[in-house]
C-alpha atoms as a PDB file:
ATOM      1  CA  ILE A   1       0.030   0.051   0.011  1.00  0.00           C
ATOM      2  CA  ASN A   2       1.341   3.440  -1.011  1.00  0.00           C
ATOM      3  CA  VAL A   3      -0.088   5.617   1.778  1.00  0.00           C
ATOM      4  CA  GLY A   4       1.321   8.707   0.097  1.00  0.00           C
ATOM      5  CA  SER A   5      -0.634   7.943  -3.197  1.00  0.00           C
ATOM      6  CA  PRO A   6      -3.171  10.425  -3.951  1.00  0.00           C
ATOM      7  CA  ASP A   7      -5.515   7.673  -5.249  1.00  0.00           C
ATOM      8  CA  TYR A   8      -5.128   5.601  -1.999  1.00  0.00           C
ATOM      9  CA  SER A   9      -5.772   8.617   0.234  1.00  0.00           C
ATOM     10  CA  ARG A  10      -8.805   9.670  -1.839  1.00  0.00           C
ATOM     11  CA  GLU A  11     -10.367   6.179  -1.685  1.00  0.00           C
ATOM     12  CA  ILE A  12      -9.702   5.615   2.042  1.00  0.00           C
ATOM     13  CA  ILE A  13     -11.010   9.052   2.846  1.00  0.00           C
ATOM     14  CA  LYS A  14     -14.171   8.277   0.973  1.00  0.00           C
ATOM     15  CA  CYS A  15     -14.500   5.069   2.842  1.00  0.00           C
ATOM     16  CA  MET A  16     -14.293   6.827   6.273  1.00  0.00           C
ATOM     17  CA  GLU A  17     -17.377   8.753   5.281  1.00  0.00           C
ATOM     18  CA  GLY A  18     -16.538  11.661   7.475  1.00  0.00           C
ATOM     19  CA  GLY A  19     -16.251   9.384  10.455  1.00  0.00           C
ATOM     20  CA  ARG A  20     -19.626   7.538   9.867  1.00  0.00           C
ATOM     21  CA  ASN A  21     -17.637   4.329   8.978  1.00  0.00           C
ATOM     22  CA  GLN A  22     -15.960   3.649  12.289  1.00  0.00           C
ATOM     23  CA  GLN A  23     -14.118   0.452  10.951  1.00  0.00           C
ATOM     24  CA  ALA A  24     -12.516   2.420   8.179  1.00  0.00           C
ATOM     25  CA  VAL A  25     -11.449   5.223  10.596  1.00  0.00           C
ATOM     26  CA  ASP A  26      -9.982   2.513  12.911  1.00  0.00           C
ATOM     27  CA  VAL A  27      -8.017   1.038  10.103  1.00  0.00           C
ATOM     28  CA  VAL A  28      -6.526   4.434   9.232  1.00  0.00           C
ATOM     29  CA  VAL A  29      -5.680   5.196  12.862  1.00  0.00           C
ATOM     30  CA  ALA A  30      -4.073   1.794  13.095  1.00  0.00           C
ATOM     31  CA  VAL A  31      -1.959   2.367   9.869  1.00  0.00           C
ATOM     32  CA  MET A  32      -0.878   5.779  11.162  1.00  0.00           C
ATOM     33  CA  GLN A  33      -0.002   4.479  14.590  1.00  0.00           C
ATOM     34  CA  GLN A  34       2.064   1.563  13.233  1.00  0.00           C
ATOM     35  CA  GLY A  35       3.567   3.126  10.098  1.00  0.00           C
ATOM     36  CA  LEU A  36       4.030   6.789  11.253  1.00  0.00           C
ATOM     37  CA  ILE A  37       4.340   6.675  15.007  1.00  0.00           C
ATOM     38  CA  ASP A  38       5.672   3.265  16.108  1.00  0.00           C
ATOM     39  CA  LYS A  39       7.866   2.168  13.199  1.00  0.00           C
ATOM     40  CA  ARG A  40       8.507   5.457  11.479  1.00  0.00           C
ATOM     41  CA  ILE A  41       8.387   3.880   8.034  1.00  0.00           C
ATOM     42  CA  LEU A  42       6.058   6.667   6.842  1.00  0.00           C
ATOM     43  CA  SER A  43       6.710  10.430   6.899  1.00  0.00           C
ATOM     44  CA  THR A  44       4.087  12.893   7.993  1.00  0.00           C
ATOM     45  CA  ALA A  45       4.222  14.400   4.463  1.00  0.00           C
ATOM     46  CA  ASP A  46       3.129  11.009   3.039  1.00  0.00           C
ATOM     47  CA  CYS A  47       0.226  10.985   5.476  1.00  0.00           C
ATOM     48  CA  MET A  48      -1.007  14.582   5.273  1.00  0.00           C
ATOM     49  CA  PRO A  49      -4.244  13.931   3.552  1.00  0.00           C
ATOM     50  CA  LEU A  50      -5.179  11.204   5.967  1.00  0.00           C
ATOM     51  CA  LEU A  51      -4.102  13.065   8.992  1.00  0.00           C
ATOM     52  CA  ASP A  52      -6.105  16.034   7.791  1.00  0.00           C
ATOM     53  CA  ALA A  53      -9.300  13.870   7.171  1.00  0.00           C
ATOM     54  CA  LEU A  54      -8.682  12.303  10.680  1.00  0.00           C
ATOM     55  CA  THR A  55      -8.428  15.858  12.255  1.00  0.00           C
ATOM     56  CA  LYS A  56     -11.618  16.849  10.638  1.00  0.00           C
ATOM     57  CA  ILE A  57     -13.344  13.704  11.880  1.00  0.00           C
ATOM     58  CA  ALA A  58     -11.989  14.294  15.412  1.00  0.00           C
ATOM     59  CA  GLN A  59     -13.539  17.813  15.325  1.00  0.00           C
ATOM     60  CA  VAL A  60     -17.191  16.884  14.391  1.00  0.00           C
ATOM     61  CA  PRO A  61     -19.344  18.804  16.752  1.00  0.00           C
ATOM     62  CA  GLY A  62     -21.393  16.704  19.168  1.00  0.00           C
ATOM     63  CA  ARG A  63     -19.134  13.650  18.934  1.00  0.00           C
ATOM     64  CA  LYS A  64     -16.407  12.745  21.165  1.00  0.00           C
ATOM     65  CA  ALA A  65     -13.467  11.498  19.264  1.00  0.00           C
ATOM     66  CA  PRO A  66     -11.925   8.214  20.512  1.00  0.00           C
ATOM     67  CA  GLU A  67      -8.746   8.419  22.487  1.00  0.00           C
ATOM     68  CA  THR A  68      -6.885   6.466  19.848  1.00  0.00           C
ATOM     69  CA  LEU A  69      -7.768   8.975  17.205  1.00  0.00           C
ATOM     70  CA  THR A  70      -6.729  12.117  19.213  1.00  0.00           C
ATOM     71  CA  ARG A  71      -3.544  10.363  20.328  1.00  0.00           C
ATOM     72  CA  VAL A  72      -2.489   9.600  16.673  1.00  0.00           C
ATOM     73  CA  ILE A  73      -3.192  13.164  15.575  1.00  0.00           C
ATOM     74  CA  ASP A  74      -1.239  14.608  18.564  1.00  0.00           C
ATOM     75  CA  ASP A  75       1.675  12.310  18.070  1.00  0.00           C
ATOM     76  CA  ALA A  76       1.738  12.965  14.363  1.00  0.00           C
ATOM     77  CA  ARG A  77       1.855  16.812  15.088  1.00  0.00           C
ATOM     78  CA  MET A  78       4.707  16.258  17.417  1.00  0.00           C
ATOM     79  CA  LEU A  79       6.675  14.333  14.641  1.00  0.00           C
ATOM     80  CA  ALA A  80       6.044  17.044  12.133  1.00  0.00           C
ATOM     81  CA  ARG A  81       7.587  19.459  14.574  1.00  0.00           C
ATOM     82  CA  GLY A  82      10.566  17.224  14.982  1.00  0.00           C
ATOM     83  CA  MET A  83       9.685  16.107  18.343  1.00  0.00           C
ATOM     84  CA  THR A  84       9.318  12.533  19.751  1.00  0.00           C
ATOM     85  CA  PRO A  85       5.924  11.452  20.884  1.00  0.00           C
ATOM     86  CA  VAL A  86       5.787  10.555  24.493  1.00  0.00           C
ATOM     87  CA  MET A  87       4.966   6.954  25.158  1.00  0.00           C
ATOM     88  CA  SER A  88       3.153   6.036  28.356  1.00  0.00           C
ATOM     89  CA  ALA A  89       4.504   3.230  30.569  1.00  0.00           C
ATOM     90  CA  ALA A  90       1.503   1.066  29.726  1.00  0.00           C
ATOM     91  CA  GLU A  91       2.260   1.464  25.898  1.00  0.00           C
ATOM     92  CA  LYS A  92       6.006   0.815  26.418  1.00  0.00           C
ATOM     93  CA  ASN A  93       5.117  -2.411  28.538  1.00  0.00           C
ATOM     94  CA  LYS A  94       2.960  -3.629  25.745  1.00  0.00           C
ATOM     95  CA  LEU A  95       5.737  -3.153  23.113  1.00  0.00           C
ATOM     96  CA  ILE A  96       8.162  -4.934  25.487  1.00  0.00           C
ATOM     97  CA  GLU A  97       5.690  -7.826  25.841  1.00  0.00           C
ATOM     98  CA  ARG A  98       5.323  -8.108  22.075  1.00  0.00           C
ATOM     99  CA  ASN A  99       9.253  -8.084  21.592  1.00  0.00           C
ATOM    100  CA  MET A 100       8.889  -4.905  19.621  1.00  0.00           C
ATOM    101  CA  ILE A 101      11.509  -2.812  21.593  1.00  0.00           C
END
């Protein structure tokens, strides 16, 4: 999957239906978490259309955005500014248990 591809971004954004398709939103959040935040195999530039769409979904009035969504957006902003996202002790323990760090 080429996350930076305009075609991919356009289609997955359509699938998210402005946040009405929660499964599609969850998939994009998972891809951003793994590829951009955890493994750093994607750049924020590659992910900008998807991050913009997630930000709009998170800001829909009358709907509370899931913690995973807001966390990915905040972590991506930190990466874009050249900062390292802060990992909680619980998150670090999960990675250790999975032998990922």
